[in-house]
Amino acid sequence: MNIYDFMKNLKNFQDIMEEIKRELREEKDILEKDGVEIVFNGLGEILNIEFKTEEKNCENLKQVLIELINQAQDIARDKTKEAFNRKFGGLLGGLGFGF
């Protein structure tokens, strides 16, 4: 493979990566626990947090938020793996990229 072909393949790979990121950014998911609701996208970015309770215990709310955010990130990581596997058929995992 010459350098031109390599650069062309790299550009194609970057374009596909950007397409996957756009798709994941547009996906919306909701998690709710103990009166706390978070809305996040497929990249794990938190888009909104709502408190659906009159709970005043800040320590409890803090713990619930941490759990929900961690769960959202796990879901987003799984969605990212699935998206890459759909595009690349698991090839990247075999190359050590960790997807």
C-alpha atoms as a PDB file:
ATOM      1  CA  MET A   1       0.000   0.000   0.000  1.00  0.00           C
ATOM      2  CA  ASN A   2       1.461   3.345  -0.967  1.00  0.00           C
ATOM      3  CA  ILE A   3       1.173   6.510   1.091  1.00  0.00           C
ATOM      4  CA  TYR A   4      -1.631   7.888  -1.102  1.00  0.00           C
ATOM      5  CA  ASP A   5      -3.795   4.808  -0.534  1.00  0.00           C
ATOM      6  CA  PHE A   6      -2.993   4.896   3.163  1.00  0.00           C
ATOM      7  CA  MET A   7      -4.025   8.553   3.463  1.00  0.00           C
ATOM      8  CA  LYS A   8      -7.208   7.899   1.486  1.00  0.00           C
ATOM      9  CA  ASN A   9      -8.110   4.987   3.788  1.00  0.00           C
ATOM     10  CA  LEU A  10      -7.349   7.098   6.838  1.00  0.00           C
ATOM     11  CA  LYS A  11      -9.623   9.865   5.547  1.00  0.00           C
ATOM     12  CA  ASN A  12     -12.413   7.330   4.929  1.00  0.00           C
ATOM     13  CA  PHE A  13     -11.949   5.976   8.449  1.00  0.00           C
ATOM     14  CA  GLN A  14     -12.127   9.498   9.911  1.00  0.00           C
ATOM     15  CA  ASP A  15     -15.295  10.221   7.923  1.00  0.00           C
ATOM     16  CA  ILE A  16     -16.927   7.045   9.227  1.00  0.00           C
ATOM     17  CA  MET A  17     -15.876   7.920  12.790  1.00  0.00           C
ATOM     18  CA  GLU A  18     -17.491  11.344  12.453  1.00  0.00           C
ATOM     19  CA  GLU A  19     -20.660   9.788  11.027  1.00  0.00           C
ATOM     20  CA  ILE A  20     -20.884   7.398  13.981  1.00  0.00           C
ATOM     21  CA  LYS A  21     -20.380  10.262  16.433  1.00  0.00           C
ATOM     22  CA  ARG A  22     -23.145  12.286  14.739  1.00  0.00           C
ATOM     23  CA  GLU A  23     -25.524   9.346  14.902  1.00  0.00           C
ATOM     24  CA  LEU A  24     -24.757   8.678  18.569  1.00  0.00           C
ATOM     25  CA  ARG A  25     -25.058  12.356  19.456  1.00  0.00           C
ATOM     26  CA  GLU A  26     -28.603  12.390  18.015  1.00  0.00           C
ATOM     27  CA  GLU A  27     -29.770   9.352  20.041  1.00  0.00           C
ATOM     28  CA  LYS A  28     -31.594  10.221  23.261  1.00  0.00           C
ATOM     29  CA  ASP A  29     -32.081   7.951  26.265  1.00  0.00           C
ATOM     30  CA  ILE A  30     -33.665   8.503  29.676  1.00  0.00           C
ATOM     31  CA  LEU A  31     -32.765   6.923  32.998  1.00  0.00           C
ATOM     32  CA  GLU A  32     -34.760   7.465  36.180  1.00  0.00           C
ATOM     33  CA  LYS A  33     -34.164   6.434  39.763  1.00  0.00           C
ATOM     34  CA  ASP A  34     -35.593   7.643  43.060  1.00  0.00           C
ATOM     35  CA  GLY A  35     -37.249  10.678  41.490  1.00  0.00           C
ATOM     36  CA  VAL A  36     -34.176  11.784  39.532  1.00  0.00           C
ATOM     37  CA  GLU A  37     -34.302  11.637  35.730  1.00  0.00           C
ATOM     38  CA  ILE A  38     -31.402  12.204  33.372  1.00  0.00           C
ATOM     39  CA  VAL A  39     -31.559  12.543  29.616  1.00  0.00           C
ATOM     40  CA  PHE A  40     -28.375  11.665  27.727  1.00  0.00           C
ATOM     41  CA  ASN A  41     -27.246  10.957  24.199  1.00  0.00           C
ATOM     42  CA  GLY A  42     -25.420   7.996  22.700  1.00  0.00           C
ATOM     43  CA  LEU A  43     -22.068   9.584  23.499  1.00  0.00           C
ATOM     44  CA  GLY A  44     -22.929   9.704  27.198  1.00  0.00           C
ATOM     45  CA  GLU A  45     -23.312  13.485  27.249  1.00  0.00           C
ATOM     46  CA  ILE A  46     -25.880  14.548  29.847  1.00  0.00           C
ATOM     47  CA  LEU A  47     -28.526  16.707  28.167  1.00  0.00           C
ATOM     48  CA  ASN A  48     -30.924  17.302  31.059  1.00  0.00           C
ATOM     49  CA  ILE A  49     -31.483  16.452  34.714  1.00  0.00           C
ATOM     50  CA  GLU A  50     -34.896  16.665  36.357  1.00  0.00           C
ATOM     51  CA  PHE A  51     -35.837  16.167  39.972  1.00  0.00           C
ATOM     52  CA  LYS A  52     -39.294  14.625  40.185  1.00  0.00           C
ATOM     53  CA  THR A  53     -39.371  14.504  43.941  1.00  0.00           C
ATOM     54  CA  GLU A  54     -39.399  16.901  46.830  1.00  0.00           C
ATOM     55  CA  GLU A  55     -36.444  15.063  48.314  1.00  0.00           C
ATOM     56  CA  LYS A  56     -34.234  17.511  50.166  1.00  0.00           C
ATOM     57  CA  ASN A  57     -31.522  15.071  51.142  1.00  0.00           C
ATOM     58  CA  CYS A  58     -28.653  16.378  49.019  1.00  0.00           C
ATOM     59  CA  GLU A  59     -26.407  13.459  49.878  1.00  0.00           C
ATOM     60  CA  ASN A  60     -29.016  10.989  48.562  1.00  0.00           C
ATOM     61  CA  LEU A  61     -29.526  13.063  45.391  1.00  0.00           C
ATOM     62  CA  LYS A  62     -25.781  13.219  44.875  1.00  0.00           C
ATOM     63  CA  GLN A  63     -25.467   9.431  45.099  1.00  0.00           C
ATOM     64  CA  VAL A  64     -28.427   8.876  42.747  1.00  0.00           C
ATOM     65  CA  LEU A  65     -26.920  11.295  40.208  1.00  0.00           C
ATOM     66  CA  ILE A  66     -23.566   9.561  40.328  1.00  0.00           C
ATOM     67  CA  GLU A  67     -25.210   6.165  39.779  1.00  0.00           C
ATOM     68  CA  LEU A  68     -27.347   7.419  36.887  1.00  0.00           C
ATOM     69  CA  ILE A  69     -24.465   9.199  35.176  1.00  0.00           C
ATOM     70  CA  ASN A  70     -22.253   6.123  35.478  1.00  0.00           C
ATOM     71  CA  GLN A  71     -25.061   3.975  34.080  1.00  0.00           C
ATOM     72  CA  ALA A  72     -25.563   6.434  31.189  1.00  0.00           C
ATOM     73  CA  GLN A  73     -21.858   6.274  30.376  1.00  0.00           C
ATOM     74  CA  ASP A  74     -21.935   2.463  30.400  1.00  0.00           C
ATOM     75  CA  ILE A  75     -24.912   2.468  28.024  1.00  0.00           C
ATOM     76  CA  ALA A  76     -23.191   4.985  25.747  1.00  0.00           C
ATOM     77  CA  ARG A  77     -20.000   2.901  25.706  1.00  0.00           C
ATOM     78  CA  ASP A  78     -22.034  -0.170  24.700  1.00  0.00           C
ATOM     79  CA  LYS A  79     -23.825   1.793  21.958  1.00  0.00           C
ATOM     80  CA  THR A  80     -20.480   3.031  20.648  1.00  0.00           C
ATOM     81  CA  LYS A  81     -19.153  -0.542  20.500  1.00  0.00           C
ATOM     82  CA  GLU A  82     -22.294  -1.669  18.683  1.00  0.00           C
ATOM     83  CA  ALA A  83     -22.059   1.202  16.183  1.00  0.00           C
ATOM     84  CA  PHE A  84     -18.406   0.445  15.411  1.00  0.00           C
ATOM     85  CA  ASN A  85     -19.136  -3.262  15.065  1.00  0.00           C
ATOM     86  CA  ARG A  86     -21.959  -2.500  12.608  1.00  0.00           C
ATOM     87  CA  LYS A  87     -19.640  -0.348  10.481  1.00  0.00           C
ATOM     88  CA  PHE A  88     -16.468  -2.408  10.784  1.00  0.00           C
ATOM     89  CA  GLY A  89     -17.719  -5.914  11.604  1.00  0.00           C
ATOM     90  CA  GLY A  90     -15.623  -6.178  14.771  1.00  0.00           C
ATOM     91  CA  LEU A  91     -12.415  -5.519  12.853  1.00  0.00           C
ATOM     92  CA  LEU A  92     -11.241  -2.730  15.164  1.00  0.00           C
ATOM     93  CA  GLY A  93     -11.467  -4.849  18.303  1.00  0.00           C
ATOM     94  CA  GLY A  94      -9.234  -7.404  16.675  1.00  0.00           C
ATOM     95  CA  LEU A  95      -6.712  -4.695  15.932  1.00  0.00           C
ATOM     96  CA  GLY A  96      -6.418  -3.703  19.592  1.00  0.00           C
ATOM     97  CA  PHE A  97      -8.475  -0.502  19.495  1.00  0.00           C
ATOM     98  CA  GLY A  98     -10.543  -1.702  22.461  1.00  0.00           C
ATOM     99  CA  PHE A  99     -13.993  -1.241  20.880  1.00  0.00           C
END
